[in-house]
Structures are given as C-alpha cells and as structure tokens.
Amino acid sequence: MTRSAVVVDRDYLKHDPGEFHPERPERIRVLLDLAERLDSDKFHILPPKSATRSDIELCHQPDYITLVESTAKANHYALDGDTITSRDSFAVGLLAVGGFLRLLDSIAARESRNGFALVRPPGHHALSDHAMGFCLFNTIAIGAEHLKRAYGAKKILIMDWDVHHGNGTQAAFYDDASVLFISTHQYPYYPGSGAVNEVGVDAGEGYTINVPLPAGCADAEYMRVFQDIVIPAAEKFEPEWILVSAGFDPHRRDPLGGMGVTEKGFGAMARMLLQLADRYAGGRIGLLLEGGYDLTALRNSVAAVLDALQQRKNNDDDLLPPASDELQPLLRRIRQVHEKYS
C-alpha cells in the first residue's frame, strides 16, 4: 500500500507575525513533533520546495506579489490589521505554496496515496490583490489552478471546513464551473461573507455552496451537514480531485471560534471525503492546513485526520443527530437555493 505524504518543515517557523499573534510559529512546532512520531510504514515526510513567481501569479496580481516581496526589508509590516509579515515571511509564503504543489505532484504521480500539507501561513482569505486574515497567498486556489494546468483536471472539489469563510477561495472560482467550492463556517463571523445566496456567477453559478452555521455547532451538526449537503453535492459533481482547506478552529477549545467540533469530528469529516475520493477521484485527495489556534486541539485534530488518511472505515454513525434537529430549516433553505442547478 502506497504511503500517505506529509509536508512539513522547520522553515515554516520563520514567519513571525509577532509575539502575541494567534498565527504563531508554535503551531508548526507541535506538528513537527507529531510528524517525527508517524509510522514510517504508513507515512513519508515530503520536503517542500519554494513556489515560483509564476506559480503565485496563477491567482495573484503581479503588483501584489511585489508588495509582499518588499516586506522582506522590514522587521514587521502590516499588510492589513491582522496580517503581519516579518523579514522571512515572503520566502515562507513561497514555501507554503510550493509545499502544497509538491504534495499534489506526488499524489498525481502515484508516489503518495494522499497527503496533508502542514504549512503556514494559511491562505484561504487571501484575495488576488491583497492580504486578509493572516493569509498572504491563497495556497489552495493556486493548487487547484496548478492541477488544471499541469494535469488537465476539469473537476476539482474544494472543501473548506475552517471556522471562517474562505472568501478568497470563493472569489478565485466564483465564475468557474470546473471548481465546486463548498464551505462550512460560523456565521455571521469574520470575514462576513458566505451567505447561502452566494452561489457563483456566469458559468460558475451553482458551483459555490455555502453552509453558514450558527455558533455552537459540534460533531453531530457537522456530520448532518456532510450527510445532507456536502456528500450529495460532491456525488453529483463527480470530482477528479478533492482539495481540503483543513482549518481546526471549529474545535471546541479554539480561542478564535465558537464551535464545538472534536478530534473525532474532524476524523469523521476526513473519512467521508476520503470515501468520496476513492469513488470518484481515484483516491486523489490533498489536505492543506488553514486555521487552528489552540495548540493541543491542533495537534490532536491533525493526528485524527492523519489516522483517517490510512483508515477508510467509517464508524461515526453515533455522531449523527436525529433528522428533526434544529439545523433542518437551514439545510432545507440551502437545498431550495441550489435545486434549480440540479
């Protein structure tokens, strides 16, 4: 059995947005410790390589890339109120994108069964021409464009389970029918986007599905959303690749979120997506670290997802709530909005 790949590297520690910033280097330090303990019969560590400027230009404006590059001249530079760079941040941003592209290339070549890129900074808020929400470059969006251009992928599912809406990823593919973007997120919450009626435009209309959840949702609610919305939409789409913006800030311990997901919940979501990948995408699935700011929750949740990468069997039925749970009005509304695209 081909091993799963894990991309992680000590150089990801070098991005330093400041001593009290939530997106701190310790997030990678705990994952480096985790990676050192992985079973080498099941996992291999894939060293990253830096993305090229042309890679970044797949999703970002040249002037914006130049701006981020110029921040290497300052100890700290505020690209926005939340997104702070240090002298090494541009280089680390290139390494984050390049690490994910390396993972996708390894999966495409069948050198790896699947994989998880444990990189920072995160990316799903970054827009084509500016930074947002701790994010410099939109790594998962660049990854999807890379799959289209390098491998001719025509159907890519991006699942974003971060507690914050992936507005940058949505914007990148809002008029693009080749990418189905599905986001579960706390709402209303930063960045304020991700309403049910945001469905895409032109050729992409119907290919953006937002599931704006109230605070307090936990494993059972997420399992219901996956069962009722995510899995049926993905089955209809029949993706050739599945990419996951795996943020762990919906965890019940996370200081920036208001959700109640546990390690078991994250593992269950991963297994459901892995089963989809096996049915439709030849097993091709790559996960990318986004948020997650409680170090214990982050480490344990990543460990649960890594275990899922090698364990396909789903024993998570006990997480499902009864069909009459309080989410049903929201789920009915989502189905009603999207039924005309069926």
Protein backbone atom coordinates (compact mmCIF):
# COMPACT_ATOMS: atom_id res chain seq x y z
CA MET A 1 0.00 0.00 0.00
CA THR A 2 1.38 3.39 -1.02
CA ARG A 3 2.15 5.64 1.91
CA SER A 4 0.48 8.95 2.66
CA ALA A 5 2.64 12.05 2.34
CA VAL A 6 3.08 14.74 4.97
CA VAL A 7 4.68 18.04 4.02
CA VAL A 8 6.22 19.85 6.98
CA ASP A 9 9.47 21.70 7.54
CA ARG A 10 11.23 23.74 10.22
CA ASP A 11 11.47 26.69 7.83
CA TYR A 12 7.75 27.28 8.36
CA LEU A 13 8.69 28.52 11.83
CA LYS A 14 10.41 31.56 10.31
CA HIS A 15 7.24 33.50 9.52
CA ASP A 16 6.86 35.63 12.66
CA PRO A 17 3.85 37.98 12.81
CA GLY A 18 4.63 38.97 16.39
CA GLU A 19 4.81 37.58 19.90
CA PHE A 20 1.09 37.73 20.68
CA HIS A 21 -0.28 36.93 17.23
CA PRO A 22 -2.58 33.87 17.11
CA GLU A 23 -0.93 32.55 13.94
CA ARG A 24 2.33 31.91 15.73
CA PRO A 25 5.26 29.63 14.87
CA GLU A 26 4.37 27.23 17.69
CA ARG A 27 1.52 25.98 15.50
CA ILE A 28 4.08 24.26 13.30
CA ARG A 29 6.36 23.29 16.17
CA VAL A 30 3.73 20.98 17.68
CA LEU A 31 3.12 19.45 14.24
CA LEU A 32 6.81 18.87 13.66
CA ASP A 33 6.84 16.89 16.90
CA LEU A 34 3.81 14.93 15.68
CA ALA A 35 5.39 14.20 12.31
CA GLU A 36 8.51 12.79 13.95
CA ARG A 37 6.36 10.11 15.60
CA LEU A 38 4.48 8.94 12.49
CA ASP A 39 4.72 5.31 11.42
CA SER A 40 7.19 5.26 8.53
CA ASP A 41 5.39 2.25 7.04
CA LYS A 42 2.29 4.42 6.54
CA PHE A 43 3.67 7.94 6.08
CA HIS A 44 6.60 9.63 4.47
CA ILE A 45 7.75 13.19 5.04
CA LEU A 46 7.88 15.12 1.80
CA PRO A 47 10.23 18.12 1.94
CA PRO A 48 8.77 21.28 0.39
CA LYS A 49 10.23 23.36 -2.38
CA SER A 50 9.58 27.04 -2.95
CA ALA A 51 6.92 28.07 -5.41
CA THR A 52 7.98 30.22 -8.34
CA ARG A 53 6.64 33.67 -9.02
CA SER A 54 4.72 32.25 -11.97
CA ASP A 55 3.06 29.77 -9.60
CA ILE A 56 1.84 32.63 -7.40
CA GLU A 57 0.68 34.57 -10.45
CA LEU A 58 -1.83 31.80 -11.15
CA CYS A 59 -4.06 33.53 -8.58
CA HIS A 60 -2.40 36.83 -7.60
CA GLN A 61 -1.70 40.18 -9.26
CA PRO A 62 1.98 40.90 -10.02
CA ASP A 63 1.88 44.22 -8.13
CA TYR A 64 0.58 42.49 -5.02
CA ILE A 65 3.31 39.84 -5.18
CA THR A 66 5.90 42.62 -5.46
CA LEU A 67 4.40 44.32 -2.41
CA VAL A 68 4.66 41.16 -0.31
CA GLU A 69 8.21 40.61 -1.55
CA SER A 70 9.14 44.16 -0.46
CA THR A 71 8.16 43.39 3.15
CA ALA A 72 11.36 41.36 3.48
CA LYS A 73 13.07 44.71 4.08
CA ALA A 74 11.21 45.35 7.36
CA ASN A 75 11.23 43.54 10.69
CA HIS A 76 7.44 43.76 10.67
CA TYR A 77 4.99 45.13 8.13
CA ALA A 78 1.19 45.26 8.41
CA LEU A 79 -0.44 44.25 5.12
CA ASP A 80 -3.75 44.66 6.91
CA GLY A 81 -4.88 44.86 10.52
CA ASP A 82 -4.48 41.10 11.03
CA THR A 83 -1.81 40.12 8.53
CA ILE A 84 1.69 40.99 9.71
CA THR A 85 4.90 39.98 7.95
CA SER A 86 8.49 39.64 9.07
CA ARG A 87 11.68 39.57 7.02
CA ASP A 88 11.25 35.89 6.22
CA SER A 89 7.51 35.90 5.52
CA PHE A 90 7.67 36.24 1.74
CA ALA A 91 10.08 33.30 1.50
CA VAL A 92 7.94 31.23 3.86
CA GLY A 93 4.83 32.11 1.86
CA LEU A 94 6.51 30.77 -1.28
CA LEU A 95 7.50 27.65 0.63
CA ALA A 96 3.91 27.14 1.85
CA VAL A 97 2.55 27.26 -1.70
CA GLY A 98 5.42 25.17 -3.01
CA GLY A 99 4.91 22.59 -0.28
CA PHE A 100 1.31 22.08 -1.31
CA LEU A 101 2.20 21.90 -5.00
CA ARG A 102 4.86 19.31 -4.17
CA LEU A 103 2.21 17.26 -2.37
CA LEU A 104 -0.18 17.44 -5.33
CA ASP A 105 2.56 16.44 -7.77
CA SER A 106 3.43 13.45 -5.57
CA ILE A 107 -0.20 12.30 -5.48
CA ALA A 108 -0.59 12.84 -9.24
CA ALA A 109 2.49 10.70 -9.87
CA ARG A 110 1.12 7.99 -7.54
CA GLU A 111 4.20 8.32 -5.38
CA SER A 112 1.85 9.08 -2.48
CA ARG A 113 -1.56 7.64 -1.72
CA ASN A 114 -2.87 11.00 -0.47
CA GLY A 115 -1.46 13.62 1.85
CA PHE A 116 -1.56 16.58 4.18
CA ALA A 117 0.48 19.77 3.77
CA LEU A 118 1.21 21.10 7.27
CA VAL A 119 2.32 24.56 6.22
CA ARG A 120 1.90 28.15 7.30
CA PRO A 121 0.87 30.90 6.85
CA PRO A 122 -2.70 29.91 5.93
CA GLY A 123 -4.18 31.09 2.66
CA HIS A 124 -7.93 30.87 2.13
CA HIS A 125 -8.69 34.56 2.88
CA ALA A 126 -6.06 35.96 0.51
CA LEU A 127 -7.54 37.76 -2.49
CA SER A 128 -5.86 38.30 -5.84
CA ASP A 129 -4.64 41.77 -4.91
CA HIS A 130 -4.44 41.92 -1.13
CA ALA A 131 -3.84 40.01 2.09
CA MET A 132 -6.53 39.20 4.63
CA GLY A 133 -6.98 37.27 7.85
CA PHE A 134 -3.36 36.10 8.42
CA CYS A 135 -3.13 34.95 4.76
CA LEU A 136 -0.51 36.05 2.22
CA PHE A 137 -1.10 33.79 -0.79
CA ASN A 138 -4.13 31.62 -1.48
CA THR A 139 -2.37 28.28 -1.44
CA ILE A 140 -5.37 26.04 -2.11
CA ALA A 141 -6.57 28.19 -5.02
CA ILE A 142 -3.10 28.11 -6.56
CA GLY A 143 -3.10 24.35 -6.06
CA ALA A 144 -6.36 23.98 -7.96
CA GLU A 145 -5.08 26.11 -10.84
CA HIS A 146 -1.90 24.04 -10.88
CA LEU A 147 -3.94 20.83 -11.22
CA LYS A 148 -5.86 22.30 -14.13
CA ARG A 149 -2.78 23.49 -15.98
CA ALA A 150 -0.32 20.72 -15.19
CA TYR A 151 -2.67 17.72 -15.28
CA GLY A 152 -5.74 18.89 -17.20
CA ALA A 153 -8.07 18.49 -14.23
CA LYS A 154 -11.59 19.53 -15.19
CA LYS A 155 -13.50 18.87 -11.94
CA ILE A 156 -11.96 19.86 -8.61
CA LEU A 157 -13.85 19.87 -5.31
CA ILE A 158 -12.53 22.29 -2.68
CA MET A 159 -14.00 21.59 0.74
CA ASP A 160 -13.32 24.30 3.33
CA TRP A 161 -14.23 23.36 6.92
CA ASP A 162 -12.35 26.23 8.61
CA VAL A 163 -14.46 28.19 11.12
CA HIS A 164 -14.05 31.29 8.93
CA HIS A 165 -15.47 31.53 5.44
CA GLY A 166 -12.85 31.07 2.72
CA ASN A 167 -13.72 34.28 0.92
CA GLY A 168 -10.50 34.37 -1.11
CA THR A 169 -11.01 30.87 -2.47
CA GLN A 170 -14.63 31.61 -3.26
CA ALA A 171 -13.63 34.76 -5.16
CA ALA A 172 -10.99 32.88 -7.16
CA PHE A 173 -13.54 30.45 -8.63
CA TYR A 174 -16.83 32.35 -8.39
CA ASP A 175 -17.34 32.25 -12.18
CA ASP A 176 -15.63 28.88 -12.74
CA ALA A 177 -17.62 25.66 -13.28
CA SER A 178 -14.51 23.49 -13.05
CA VAL A 179 -14.25 24.04 -9.27
CA LEU A 180 -17.02 23.17 -6.82
CA PHE A 181 -16.35 25.21 -3.67
CA ILE A 182 -18.18 24.13 -0.51
CA SER A 183 -17.66 25.99 2.77
CA THR A 184 -18.95 25.23 6.26
CA HIS A 185 -18.32 28.21 8.55
CA GLN A 186 -19.56 30.09 11.58
CA TYR A 187 -21.92 32.87 10.52
CA PRO A 188 -22.13 35.77 10.99
CA TYR A 189 -18.44 35.95 11.70
CA TYR A 190 -15.20 37.12 10.10
CA PRO A 191 -14.88 37.91 7.21
CA GLY A 192 -18.64 38.47 6.88
CA SER A 193 -19.13 36.62 3.60
CA GLY A 194 -20.50 33.15 2.95
CA ALA A 195 -24.29 33.60 2.93
CA VAL A 196 -26.50 30.89 1.44
CA ASN A 197 -27.35 33.01 -1.59
CA GLU A 198 -23.69 33.38 -2.62
CA VAL A 199 -23.77 30.70 -5.30
CA GLY A 200 -21.42 31.90 -8.05
CA VAL A 201 -21.94 33.88 -11.25
CA ASP A 202 -21.98 33.26 -15.00
CA ALA A 203 -20.51 29.83 -15.78
CA GLY A 204 -19.82 29.30 -12.09
CA GLU A 205 -23.39 29.84 -10.92
CA GLY A 206 -24.36 26.91 -8.70
CA TYR A 207 -20.75 25.83 -8.11
CA THR A 208 -20.36 27.68 -4.81
CA ILE A 209 -22.22 26.17 -1.86
CA ASN A 210 -22.12 27.99 1.46
CA VAL A 211 -23.28 26.45 4.72
CA PRO A 212 -23.38 29.36 7.21
CA LEU A 213 -23.69 27.71 10.62
CA PRO A 214 -24.71 29.27 13.93
CA ALA A 215 -22.19 29.28 16.76
CA GLY A 216 -22.24 26.20 18.95
CA CYS A 217 -22.41 23.56 16.22
CA ALA A 218 -20.49 20.42 17.14
CA ASP A 219 -19.71 16.98 15.70
CA ALA A 220 -23.34 15.93 15.20
CA GLU A 221 -24.25 19.11 13.34
CA TYR A 222 -21.22 18.89 11.06
CA MET A 223 -21.98 15.23 10.31
CA ARG A 224 -25.55 16.18 9.41
CA VAL A 225 -24.28 18.91 7.06
CA PHE A 226 -21.88 16.49 5.40
CA GLN A 227 -24.56 13.83 5.03
CA ASP A 228 -27.30 16.16 3.76
CA ILE A 229 -25.39 18.80 1.75
CA VAL A 230 -21.70 18.10 1.16
CA ILE A 231 -21.77 14.47 0.10
CA PRO A 232 -24.80 14.71 -2.25
CA ALA A 233 -23.36 17.81 -3.96
CA ALA A 234 -19.98 16.16 -4.36
CA GLU A 235 -21.51 12.95 -5.73
CA LYS A 236 -23.42 14.96 -8.32
CA PHE A 237 -20.23 16.83 -9.30
CA GLU A 238 -18.06 13.66 -9.52
CA PRO A 239 -14.71 15.36 -8.78
CA GLU A 240 -11.44 14.22 -10.30
CA TRP A 241 -9.57 15.73 -7.35
CA ILE A 242 -10.55 16.72 -3.82
CA LEU A 243 -8.71 19.50 -2.00
CA VAL A 244 -9.44 20.37 1.61
CA SER A 245 -8.88 23.67 3.41
CA ALA A 246 -8.50 21.99 6.77
CA GLY A 247 -8.85 24.60 9.47
CA PHE A 248 -9.10 23.33 13.03
CA ASP A 249 -10.55 26.47 14.58
CA PRO A 250 -14.06 24.91 14.71
CA HIS A 251 -12.61 22.85 17.59
CA ARG A 252 -14.35 23.36 20.92
CA ARG A 253 -11.09 24.56 22.52
CA ASP A 254 -10.18 27.12 19.88
CA PRO A 255 -9.88 30.73 21.14
CA LEU A 256 -10.97 32.30 17.82
CA GLY A 257 -14.02 30.17 17.11
CA GLY A 258 -17.35 29.45 18.73
CA MET A 259 -17.95 25.89 17.57
CA GLY A 260 -17.79 22.55 19.38
CA VAL A 261 -16.11 20.12 16.99
CA THR A 262 -13.82 17.46 18.50
CA GLU A 263 -10.95 15.40 17.14
CA LYS A 264 -13.42 12.62 16.37
CA GLY A 265 -15.50 15.01 14.29
CA PHE A 266 -12.54 16.11 12.18
CA GLY A 267 -11.55 12.49 11.62
CA ALA A 268 -15.09 11.64 10.56
CA MET A 269 -15.24 14.52 8.05
CA ALA A 270 -11.90 13.44 6.61
CA ARG A 271 -13.09 9.82 6.24
CA MET A 272 -16.22 10.89 4.40
CA LEU A 273 -14.12 12.90 1.94
CA LEU A 274 -11.65 10.04 1.56
CA GLN A 275 -14.50 7.71 0.64
CA LEU A 276 -15.63 10.23 -1.97
CA ALA A 277 -12.09 10.42 -3.32
CA ASP A 278 -11.96 6.64 -3.61
CA ARG A 279 -15.27 6.53 -5.53
CA TYR A 280 -14.76 9.41 -7.92
CA ALA A 281 -11.17 10.69 -7.89
CA GLY A 282 -9.02 7.60 -7.87
CA GLY A 283 -8.16 8.36 -4.24
CA ARG A 284 -6.65 11.73 -5.15
CA ILE A 285 -7.14 13.99 -2.12
CA GLY A 286 -4.79 16.60 -0.67
CA LEU A 287 -5.39 18.44 2.58
CA LEU A 288 -3.95 21.83 3.48
CA LEU A 289 -3.63 23.34 6.94
CA GLU A 290 -5.53 26.59 7.38
CA GLY A 291 -6.56 27.83 10.87
CA GLY A 292 -6.47 26.28 14.33
CA TYR A 293 -5.03 28.24 17.25
CA ASP A 294 -5.22 26.05 20.35
CA LEU A 295 -2.03 24.02 20.18
CA THR A 296 -3.37 20.90 21.91
CA ALA A 297 -6.52 20.87 19.81
CA LEU A 298 -4.50 21.46 16.66
CA ARG A 299 -2.06 18.64 17.30
CA ASN A 300 -4.70 16.11 18.29
CA SER A 301 -7.05 17.03 15.44
CA VAL A 302 -4.31 16.78 12.83
CA ALA A 303 -3.39 13.39 14.32
CA ALA A 304 -7.01 12.24 13.91
CA VAL A 305 -7.04 13.32 10.26
CA LEU A 306 -3.69 11.65 9.57
CA ASP A 307 -5.09 8.45 11.03
CA ALA A 308 -8.10 8.78 8.73
CA LEU A 309 -5.79 9.03 5.70
CA GLN A 310 -4.86 5.40 6.28
CA GLN A 311 -8.15 4.17 7.80
CA ARG A 312 -11.09 4.40 5.41
CA LYS A 313 -13.72 2.57 7.50
CA ASN A 314 -16.35 4.93 8.91
CA ASN A 315 -17.55 4.10 12.42
CA ASP A 316 -19.04 7.53 13.03
CA ASP A 317 -22.78 6.84 12.82
CA ASP A 318 -23.14 7.66 16.51
CA LEU A 319 -22.27 11.29 15.66
CA LEU A 320 -25.40 11.73 13.52
CA PRO A 321 -28.30 13.60 15.17
CA PRO A 322 -31.95 12.78 14.54
CA ALA A 323 -33.39 14.02 11.28
CA SER A 324 -35.53 16.64 13.04
CA ASP A 325 -32.59 18.54 14.52
CA GLU A 326 -32.62 22.36 14.61
CA LEU A 327 -30.38 22.63 11.54
CA GLN A 328 -33.12 21.35 9.23
CA PRO A 329 -34.53 24.82 8.30
CA LEU A 330 -31.05 25.96 7.22
CA LEU A 331 -30.38 22.78 5.29
CA ARG A 332 -33.77 23.00 3.56
CA ARG A 333 -33.00 26.58 2.55
CA ILE A 334 -29.65 25.57 1.07
CA ARG A 335 -31.30 22.78 -0.91
CA GLN A 336 -34.01 25.15 -2.12
CA VAL A 337 -31.46 27.72 -3.29
CA HIS A 338 -29.50 25.09 -5.21
CA GLU A 339 -32.33 22.93 -6.52
CA LYS A 340 -32.56 24.95 -9.76
CA TYR A 341 -28.98 23.91 -10.57
CA SER A 342 -29.83 20.20 -10.31
